[in-house]
Amino acid sequence: MTLKEELEILRGEPIQVLDGDPMDIPCIETSDPDKLCKHPVVSVRMITYNHEPYIRQAIEGVMMQKTDFEFELIIGEDCSQDKTREICFEYQKKYPDKIRVLWWHENVSKLGGNGRRVSARCRGEFIAFCEGDDYWIDPLKLQKQVDVMRNNHNVGLCFTNGTLYSQCNGSSREWDWERIVPHGMIEGRRFLFFNIYSHSPYERLRRESYLLTASVMVRVEMLKEARQRYEILSWKLRLGDVPLWLALASCHDVYSIRDKTTVYRQHGNGMVARLGSVLWRDNLLTRVYFNMVALNLSNYDLPPGFTSNWHATNAAIALQKGFLQYQKLLLKTIKNGVCRQLVVGHRIALDVIRLYKSYCDYIVIESKWSFVQRGEGLLVSITEFVKVLFPDFARKLWRRLMHHGEYAR
C-alpha cells in the first residue's frame, strides 16, 4: 500500500492528483504589456471569488507598497457571481504598470484551480500572498521581507505578525498573543516539528506554527524544488497553503518579522467557516504526511499532541451524521487514544507531552473542552505519570498493544 493510499483511508475519500501543466488551465489575461513592469522582483498572488465587499481594500493594501524594486499584482478572478470582476478591471486600468487580471467565462476550480494558474504566471523572484478578503496595513511590508530574503539566502519562507478581524462584530485581536511568538531566524526542522505536533490554535500561536497566509513571502526557486520533492503539493486538498509552508520548512529556514503588516478577515463566507471540520481533516492529513516523509517518523508513533485532535475532529464529523455513529466512534477514539498516547519511549515524547499538557491546563480552565478532549487530556497526564514512575512497564505495555492492536504493522 502506498502512502497516498494510506492517507486516503485516513481521509475517508480519494485524493485527486492535479496533473498536467497549470498553464493549460483556461485563462484570459487582462493587462497592458506596454505599460506593465518588465522585471518584477515580487509577484503578489491574489485569488478572489465573490469578494465584492473586500476586494478594494485588498488591492489598495498592495498598491500602497513603497519599494525600491518593481512588483506586480496578479489577481485570479474565478467567475464571481457579484461585482468582484468589474472592480478588478477597474483597478487594472488605474494601475496598468502593476496589475494583471486572470479570468475565465466559468469557474476553474474543478479544472485545476485558480491558485495554480496564478502561481504559474508569477514572474518574480519572490511570491507574496494576499487573498481577496484579507488586506495589508504596512506600506513597507514587501520591502521588509525582500530585505530579509536577500540578506539570508537559506531562508525559503518569511512571514510577519498580523491582526485577526471579525467581520461579524467588528472586533479585532492580536495574532501574536501576549507577544510570545518567536521572531527572527527559525531553523526549518524546528518550525516543521511544531507545525506537526502543536495542533491546537492556542499552541500554534505559542509555537510560531500557524501562519496568516497574507503575511507570507516565499522564494520561487526553493518552491520549485519543493514541488519536485513532495508529491503532496500535487494533491487537491481543501487547503493549499499549509503543505507549501511545511515543504519549504523541511528543506530551508524560516524567518519571522515581528511587525504587524496584515489583517486576516474572519467572516461567514470564508473557506474555514464554510468547510469547518472537513478542512481541518485535510490539515491533519498534511501533518501526517510530513511526519512520515520529512521527519521520517511512523504515523502510528504520533504523540498525544496530534492524535487527540485527529479523533476529536472525526468525532465531530460523526456527530453531524448521527448520534449512533458518534457513540461508536467515541469508543474507538478512547481505545485508540489509550494505545497511541502510551508512546512514552519516543525520543520526542516528553517534549510533546509537556506542550500538550500546558494546552490542557489552559483549555480546561477556560471550560472549552469537549468530553472527548477532556478524557484524552486526562490520559496525557496519566501517561506522563506512568513515564516517570514506571518507564519499563509503559514501554512493554505499548509494545504489546502495538503487537496485538489494530495498528500493528
Protein backbone atom coordinates (compact mmCIF):
# COMPACT_ATOMS: atom_id res chain seq x y z
CA MET A 1 0.00 0.00 0.00
CA THR A 2 1.38 3.40 -0.96
CA LEU A 3 1.50 6.36 1.40
CA LYS A 4 -1.18 8.09 -0.67
CA GLU A 5 -3.47 5.06 -0.30
CA GLU A 6 -2.90 5.00 3.47
CA LEU A 7 -3.79 8.67 3.72
CA GLU A 8 -6.89 8.16 1.60
CA ILE A 9 -8.08 5.64 4.20
CA LEU A 10 -7.49 8.14 6.99
CA ARG A 11 -9.19 10.84 4.98
CA GLY A 12 -12.18 8.69 4.16
CA GLU A 13 -12.26 9.69 0.48
CA PRO A 14 -9.93 9.56 -2.56
CA ILE A 15 -7.25 12.20 -3.12
CA GLN A 16 -7.33 13.74 -6.56
CA VAL A 17 -3.96 14.40 -8.23
CA LEU A 18 -3.62 17.70 -10.07
CA ASP A 19 -1.55 16.65 -13.05
CA GLY A 20 -0.94 18.50 -16.29
CA ASP A 21 0.53 21.93 -16.99
CA PRO A 22 -1.18 24.69 -14.96
CA MET A 23 -0.59 26.97 -17.94
CA ASP A 24 -3.24 24.89 -19.74
CA ILE A 25 -5.94 25.86 -17.23
CA PRO A 26 -8.41 28.11 -19.13
CA CYS A 27 -7.45 31.74 -18.68
CA ILE A 28 -7.83 35.17 -20.24
CA GLU A 29 -5.40 37.84 -19.07
CA THR A 30 -6.40 41.49 -18.92
CA SER A 31 -3.27 43.63 -18.72
CA ASP A 32 -1.30 46.25 -20.62
CA PRO A 33 2.00 44.69 -21.83
CA ASP A 34 3.36 48.05 -22.96
CA LYS A 35 3.00 49.64 -19.53
CA LEU A 36 3.50 46.59 -17.33
CA CYS A 37 6.78 46.41 -15.38
CA LYS A 38 9.30 44.22 -17.19
CA HIS A 39 11.30 42.65 -14.35
CA PRO A 40 9.25 42.38 -11.14
CA VAL A 41 11.16 41.23 -8.09
CA VAL A 42 7.96 40.24 -6.28
CA SER A 43 4.77 38.80 -7.69
CA VAL A 44 1.80 39.29 -5.37
CA ARG A 45 -0.61 36.37 -5.77
CA MET A 46 -4.24 37.25 -5.07
CA ILE A 47 -7.08 34.78 -5.67
CA THR A 48 -10.62 36.02 -5.29
CA TYR A 49 -14.19 34.80 -5.56
CA ASN A 50 -17.29 36.74 -4.51
CA HIS A 51 -15.21 39.25 -2.56
CA GLU A 52 -17.05 42.38 -3.67
CA PRO A 53 -17.21 43.90 -0.15
CA TYR A 54 -13.50 43.30 0.48
CA ILE A 55 -11.53 43.30 -2.78
CA ARG A 56 -10.94 47.06 -2.93
CA GLN A 57 -9.24 47.07 0.45
CA ALA A 58 -7.14 44.07 -0.55
CA ILE A 59 -5.93 45.68 -3.79
CA GLU A 60 -5.27 49.07 -2.21
CA GLY A 61 -3.17 47.44 0.51
CA VAL A 62 -0.89 46.08 -2.22
CA MET A 63 -0.83 49.26 -4.30
CA MET A 64 0.28 51.38 -1.32
CA GLN A 65 3.54 49.43 -1.00
CA LYS A 66 6.70 51.55 -1.08
CA THR A 67 9.66 49.65 -2.51
CA ASP A 68 13.00 50.22 -4.23
CA PHE A 69 12.15 47.42 -6.67
CA GLU A 70 9.39 46.61 -9.13
CA PHE A 71 6.48 44.36 -8.19
CA GLU A 72 3.33 43.08 -9.85
CA LEU A 73 -0.11 42.09 -8.58
CA ILE A 74 -1.69 39.08 -10.30
CA ILE A 75 -5.39 38.70 -9.48
CA GLY A 76 -7.03 35.37 -10.20
CA GLU A 77 -10.75 36.13 -10.50
CA ASP A 78 -12.70 32.87 -10.50
CA CYS A 79 -16.01 33.81 -12.16
CA SER A 80 -17.56 35.59 -9.18
CA GLN A 81 -21.33 35.98 -9.03
CA ASP A 82 -21.08 39.55 -7.71
CA LYS A 83 -19.16 42.61 -8.96
CA THR A 84 -15.71 41.39 -7.96
CA ARG A 85 -14.54 41.07 -11.58
CA GLU A 86 -15.68 44.59 -12.52
CA ILE A 87 -13.78 46.02 -9.54
CA CYS A 88 -10.62 44.12 -10.55
CA PHE A 89 -10.85 45.52 -14.11
CA GLU A 90 -11.31 49.00 -12.66
CA TYR A 91 -8.09 48.78 -10.67
CA GLN A 92 -6.19 47.23 -13.60
CA LYS A 93 -6.96 50.34 -15.66
CA LYS A 94 -5.92 52.54 -12.75
CA TYR A 95 -2.58 50.72 -12.24
CA PRO A 96 -1.66 49.29 -15.67
CA ASP A 97 2.04 49.13 -14.74
CA LYS A 98 1.41 46.69 -11.89
CA ILE A 99 -1.89 44.78 -12.16
CA ARG A 100 -2.72 41.73 -14.25
CA VAL A 101 -6.19 40.13 -14.02
CA LEU A 102 -6.63 36.46 -14.91
CA TRP A 103 -10.19 35.30 -15.55
CA TRP A 104 -12.36 32.89 -17.49
CA HIS A 105 -16.01 32.54 -18.50
CA GLU A 106 -16.65 29.89 -15.86
CA ASN A 107 -15.23 28.74 -12.54
CA VAL A 108 -11.95 26.82 -12.96
CA SER A 109 -11.67 25.22 -9.52
CA LYS A 110 -12.72 21.84 -10.93
CA LEU A 111 -10.37 22.25 -13.89
CA GLY A 112 -7.17 22.55 -11.90
CA GLY A 113 -7.55 25.50 -9.62
CA ASN A 114 -7.46 29.27 -9.69
CA GLY A 115 -4.38 29.37 -7.47
CA ARG A 116 -2.34 27.09 -9.76
CA ARG A 117 -2.90 29.20 -12.85
CA VAL A 118 -1.95 32.37 -10.96
CA SER A 119 1.20 30.85 -9.45
CA ALA A 120 2.31 29.55 -12.87
CA ARG A 121 2.23 33.09 -14.27
CA CYS A 122 4.17 34.79 -11.49
CA ARG A 123 7.33 36.34 -12.91
CA GLY A 124 9.01 37.49 -9.71
CA GLU A 125 11.94 36.10 -7.76
CA PHE A 126 9.61 36.01 -4.74
CA ILE A 127 5.87 35.40 -4.34
CA ALA A 128 3.80 37.19 -1.70
CA PHE A 129 0.28 36.02 -0.85
CA CYS A 130 -2.85 38.03 -0.17
CA GLU A 131 -6.33 36.57 -0.61
CA GLY A 132 -9.11 38.82 -1.84
CA ASP A 133 -10.76 39.10 1.58
CA ASP A 134 -7.59 39.95 3.55
CA TYR A 135 -5.51 43.14 3.36
CA TRP A 136 -2.16 44.69 4.21
CA ILE A 137 -1.72 47.62 6.60
CA ASP A 138 2.03 48.27 6.40
CA PRO A 139 3.28 50.14 3.28
CA LEU A 140 6.76 48.67 3.85
CA LYS A 141 5.68 45.03 4.10
CA LEU A 142 7.20 43.90 0.81
CA GLN A 143 10.37 45.92 1.31
CA LYS A 144 11.00 44.44 4.76
CA GLN A 145 10.51 40.89 3.54
CA VAL A 146 12.65 41.26 0.43
CA ASP A 147 15.45 42.74 2.55
CA VAL A 148 15.29 39.66 4.80
CA MET A 149 15.27 37.22 1.88
CA ARG A 150 18.18 38.92 0.14
CA ASN A 151 20.28 39.00 3.32
CA ASN A 152 19.52 35.37 4.21
CA HIS A 153 19.83 33.11 1.18
CA ASN A 154 18.98 29.98 3.18
CA VAL A 155 15.51 31.33 4.02
CA GLY A 156 12.74 29.87 1.88
CA LEU A 157 9.80 31.46 3.69
CA CYS A 158 9.35 34.76 5.51
CA PHE A 159 6.21 35.74 7.42
CA THR A 160 5.13 38.65 9.60
CA ASN A 161 2.88 39.36 12.54
CA GLY A 162 -0.73 40.38 11.97
CA THR A 163 -4.21 41.02 13.30
CA LEU A 164 -7.39 38.94 13.27
CA TYR A 165 -10.50 40.92 12.36
CA SER A 166 -14.07 39.64 12.80
CA GLN A 167 -16.34 40.96 10.08
CA CYS A 168 -19.41 39.88 12.06
CA ASN A 169 -18.94 42.12 15.09
CA GLY A 170 -16.12 44.44 14.03
CA SER A 171 -13.76 43.28 16.78
CA SER A 172 -10.02 42.76 16.39
CA ARG A 173 -7.48 40.74 18.32
CA GLU A 174 -3.77 40.36 18.01
CA TRP A 175 -2.45 37.23 16.33
CA ASP A 176 0.78 37.36 18.36
CA TRP A 177 -0.89 36.51 21.65
CA GLU A 178 0.98 38.14 24.56
CA ARG A 179 4.00 38.55 22.28
CA ILE A 180 5.21 35.01 22.82
CA VAL A 181 5.55 34.02 19.15
CA PRO A 182 9.29 33.75 18.37
CA HIS A 183 10.70 36.22 15.86
CA GLY A 184 13.79 36.26 13.71
CA MET A 185 15.52 33.24 12.21
CA ILE A 186 13.83 29.88 12.89
CA GLU A 187 15.58 26.63 11.97
CA GLY A 188 13.40 24.91 9.38
CA ARG A 189 13.04 21.49 11.01
CA ARG A 190 12.15 23.07 14.36
CA PHE A 191 9.45 25.05 12.61
CA LEU A 192 8.29 21.85 10.90
CA PHE A 193 8.17 19.91 14.18
CA PHE A 194 5.93 22.40 15.94
CA ASN A 195 3.67 22.67 12.91
CA ILE A 196 3.09 18.94 13.02
CA TYR A 197 2.74 18.42 16.76
CA SER A 198 1.33 21.70 18.06
CA HIS A 199 -2.14 21.05 16.73
CA SER A 200 -4.34 23.35 18.73
CA PRO A 201 -4.99 27.00 17.85
CA TYR A 202 -3.50 28.07 21.17
CA GLU A 203 -0.35 26.02 20.70
CA ARG A 204 0.04 27.22 17.13
CA LEU A 205 0.12 30.75 18.46
CA ARG A 206 2.64 29.80 21.12
CA ARG A 207 4.90 27.93 18.71
CA GLU A 208 5.03 30.11 15.58
CA SER A 209 3.22 27.36 13.73
CA TYR A 210 0.07 28.89 12.29
CA LEU A 211 0.79 31.47 9.61
CA LEU A 212 -1.51 34.16 8.33
CA THR A 213 -1.41 33.49 4.59
CA ALA A 214 -1.45 37.18 3.73
CA SER A 215 1.74 37.65 5.75
CA VAL A 216 3.84 35.13 3.80
CA MET A 217 6.55 35.57 1.16
CA VAL A 218 8.35 32.61 -0.42
CA ARG A 219 11.39 32.18 -2.65
CA VAL A 220 10.28 30.87 -6.05
CA GLU A 221 13.43 28.85 -6.74
CA MET A 222 13.04 26.91 -3.47
CA LEU A 223 9.33 26.48 -4.05
CA LYS A 224 10.03 24.76 -7.37
CA GLU A 225 12.44 22.39 -5.63
CA ALA A 226 9.80 21.56 -3.02
CA ARG A 227 7.22 20.76 -5.70
CA GLN A 228 9.59 18.22 -7.24
CA ARG A 229 10.37 16.66 -3.88
CA TYR A 230 6.93 16.29 -2.29
CA GLU A 231 4.03 14.65 -4.11
CA ILE A 232 1.52 16.18 -1.69
CA LEU A 233 1.97 19.51 -3.44
CA SER A 234 0.26 17.99 -6.48
CA TRP A 235 -2.72 16.70 -4.49
CA LYS A 236 -6.04 18.51 -4.49
CA LEU A 237 -6.74 19.13 -0.81
CA ARG A 238 -9.10 21.57 0.83
CA LEU A 239 -6.20 23.75 1.83
CA GLY A 240 -3.34 24.87 -0.35
CA ASP A 241 -1.09 26.92 1.88
CA VAL A 242 -0.11 24.62 4.78
CA PRO A 243 1.57 21.98 2.55
CA LEU A 244 3.62 24.76 0.93
CA TRP A 245 4.81 26.11 4.27
CA LEU A 246 5.77 22.67 5.59
CA ALA A 247 7.52 21.67 2.36
CA LEU A 248 9.68 24.79 2.39
CA ALA A 249 10.43 24.47 6.10
CA SER A 250 11.54 20.86 5.67
CA CYS A 251 14.40 21.96 3.41
CA HIS A 252 15.11 25.58 4.32
CA ASP A 253 14.98 28.02 7.21
CA VAL A 254 12.09 30.31 8.08
CA TYR A 255 12.19 33.96 9.15
CA SER A 256 9.58 35.76 11.25
CA ILE A 257 9.21 39.56 11.31
CA ARG A 258 7.62 40.99 14.45
CA ASP A 259 5.88 43.92 12.70
CA LYS A 260 2.13 43.68 12.14
CA THR A 261 1.69 44.05 8.41
CA THR A 262 -1.55 42.26 7.57
CA VAL A 263 -5.14 41.69 8.65
CA TYR A 264 -6.83 38.31 8.39
CA ARG A 265 -10.55 38.78 7.93
CA GLN A 266 -12.89 36.24 9.52
CA HIS A 267 -16.37 36.10 8.01
CA GLY A 268 -19.16 33.62 7.39
CA ASN A 269 -18.36 33.14 3.68
CA GLY A 270 -14.68 32.29 4.20
CA MET A 271 -13.37 28.82 3.38
CA VAL A 272 -12.61 27.97 7.02
CA ALA A 273 -16.13 28.91 8.08
CA ARG A 274 -17.75 27.00 5.20
CA LEU A 275 -15.75 23.77 5.42
CA GLY A 276 -15.11 23.62 9.16
CA SER A 277 -14.02 20.22 10.41
CA VAL A 278 -13.67 18.86 6.86
CA LEU A 279 -10.96 21.42 6.17
CA TRP A 280 -9.28 20.56 9.45
CA ARG A 281 -9.17 16.89 8.50
CA ASP A 282 -7.10 17.72 5.39
CA ASN A 283 -4.92 19.89 7.62
CA LEU A 284 -4.22 16.92 9.86
CA LEU A 285 -3.65 14.66 6.86
CA THR A 286 -0.96 17.09 5.71
CA ARG A 287 0.75 16.84 9.08
CA VAL A 288 0.68 13.03 8.95
CA TYR A 289 2.34 13.17 5.53
CA PHE A 290 5.23 15.41 6.61
CA ASN A 291 5.63 13.49 9.86
CA MET A 292 6.33 10.35 7.82
CA VAL A 293 8.16 11.83 4.80
CA ALA A 294 10.13 14.77 6.19
CA LEU A 295 10.69 13.73 9.83
CA ASN A 296 10.88 10.01 8.97
CA LEU A 297 8.62 9.07 11.88
CA SER A 298 5.86 6.49 11.73
CA ASN A 299 2.31 7.77 11.58
CA TYR A 300 1.46 5.22 14.25
CA ASP A 301 4.04 6.69 16.61
CA LEU A 302 2.38 10.10 16.66
CA PRO A 303 2.47 11.50 20.21
CA PRO A 304 -0.63 12.75 22.04
CA GLY A 305 -0.47 16.32 20.84
CA PHE A 306 -1.56 15.16 17.41
CA THR A 307 -3.82 12.17 17.94
CA SER A 308 -6.38 13.76 20.22
CA ASN A 309 -7.39 16.39 17.72
CA TRP A 310 -7.49 13.86 14.89
CA HIS A 311 -10.03 11.76 16.79
CA ALA A 312 -11.91 14.76 18.14
CA THR A 313 -12.25 16.06 14.58
CA ASN A 314 -13.61 12.77 13.27
CA ALA A 315 -15.91 12.52 16.26
CA ALA A 316 -17.30 15.95 15.40
CA ILE A 317 -17.86 14.85 11.82
CA ALA A 318 -19.59 11.68 13.00
CA LEU A 319 -21.77 13.72 15.33
CA GLN A 320 -23.06 15.61 12.32
CA LYS A 321 -24.05 12.30 10.71
CA GLY A 322 -25.94 10.83 13.64
CA PHE A 323 -25.78 10.06 17.35
CA LEU A 324 -25.27 6.30 16.97
CA GLN A 325 -22.22 6.75 14.75
CA TYR A 326 -20.85 9.22 17.26
CA GLN A 327 -21.19 6.68 20.09
CA LYS A 328 -19.33 4.02 18.10
CA LEU A 329 -16.57 6.42 17.14
CA LEU A 330 -16.28 7.67 20.70
CA LEU A 331 -15.47 4.15 21.91
CA LYS A 332 -12.93 3.72 19.13
CA THR A 333 -11.46 7.13 19.97
CA ILE A 334 -10.87 6.16 23.60
CA LYS A 335 -9.35 2.79 22.67
CA ASN A 336 -7.05 4.24 20.01
CA GLY A 337 -6.20 7.16 22.25
CA VAL A 338 -5.04 4.84 25.02
CA CYS A 339 -2.86 2.93 22.56
CA ARG A 340 -1.28 5.91 20.86
CA GLN A 341 -0.83 8.06 23.91
CA LEU A 342 1.39 5.46 25.59
CA VAL A 343 4.19 6.13 23.12
CA VAL A 344 6.42 7.04 26.04
CA GLY A 345 9.58 5.55 24.55
CA HIS A 346 9.55 8.06 21.71
CA ARG A 347 12.59 10.31 21.70
CA ILE A 348 10.46 13.46 21.50
CA ALA A 349 7.51 12.22 23.54
CA LEU A 350 8.39 14.17 26.67
CA ASP A 351 8.55 17.46 24.80
CA VAL A 352 5.25 16.81 23.10
CA ILE A 353 3.55 15.70 26.32
CA ARG A 354 4.80 18.84 28.04
CA LEU A 355 3.47 21.02 25.24
CA TYR A 356 0.14 19.23 25.17
CA LYS A 357 -0.28 19.28 28.94
CA SER A 358 0.24 23.04 29.01
CA TYR A 359 -2.54 23.31 26.46
CA CYS A 360 -4.74 21.01 28.57
CA ASP A 361 -4.21 23.21 31.62
CA TYR A 362 -5.22 26.31 29.68
CA ILE A 363 -8.23 24.93 27.84
CA VAL A 364 -9.77 23.13 30.82
CA ILE A 365 -9.62 26.28 32.91
CA GLU A 366 -11.47 28.09 30.13
CA SER A 367 -14.08 25.27 30.07
CA LYS A 368 -13.85 24.97 26.29
CA TRP A 369 -13.08 21.28 26.02
CA SER A 370 -15.46 18.66 24.72
CA PHE A 371 -15.98 15.41 26.61
CA VAL A 372 -13.59 13.57 24.27
CA GLN A 373 -10.88 16.20 24.65
CA ARG A 374 -11.18 16.20 28.44
CA GLY A 375 -10.82 12.43 28.56
CA GLU A 376 -7.81 12.40 26.31
CA GLY A 377 -6.27 15.28 28.23
CA LEU A 378 -6.53 13.16 31.35
CA LEU A 379 -4.83 10.28 29.52
CA VAL A 380 -1.92 12.57 28.69
CA SER A 381 -1.45 13.43 32.34
CA ILE A 382 -1.62 9.73 33.28
CA THR A 383 0.91 8.95 30.55
CA GLU A 384 3.32 11.50 31.97
CA PHE A 385 2.88 9.99 35.43
CA VAL A 386 3.50 6.45 34.15
CA LYS A 387 6.50 7.63 32.16
CA VAL A 388 8.19 8.98 35.25
CA LEU A 389 7.37 6.16 37.71
CA PHE A 390 7.13 3.04 35.54
CA PRO A 391 9.09 3.58 32.29
CA ASP A 392 9.84 -0.12 31.69
CA PHE A 393 6.22 -1.14 32.27
CA ALA A 394 4.97 1.59 29.92
CA ARG A 395 7.31 0.50 27.14
CA LYS A 396 6.29 -3.15 27.48
CA LEU A 397 2.63 -2.24 27.52
CA TRP A 398 2.99 -0.13 24.40
CA ARG A 399 4.83 -2.89 22.53
CA ARG A 400 2.10 -5.36 23.48
CA LEU A 401 -0.63 -3.00 22.35
CA MET A 402 1.18 -2.36 19.08
CA HIS A 403 1.70 -6.08 18.52
CA HIS A 404 -1.89 -7.14 19.18
CA GLY A 405 -3.78 -3.97 18.34
CA GLU A 406 -5.25 -2.85 15.05
CA TYR A 407 -2.25 -0.60 14.37
CA ALA A 408 0.26 -3.47 14.30
CA ARG A 409 2.22 -3.44 11.06
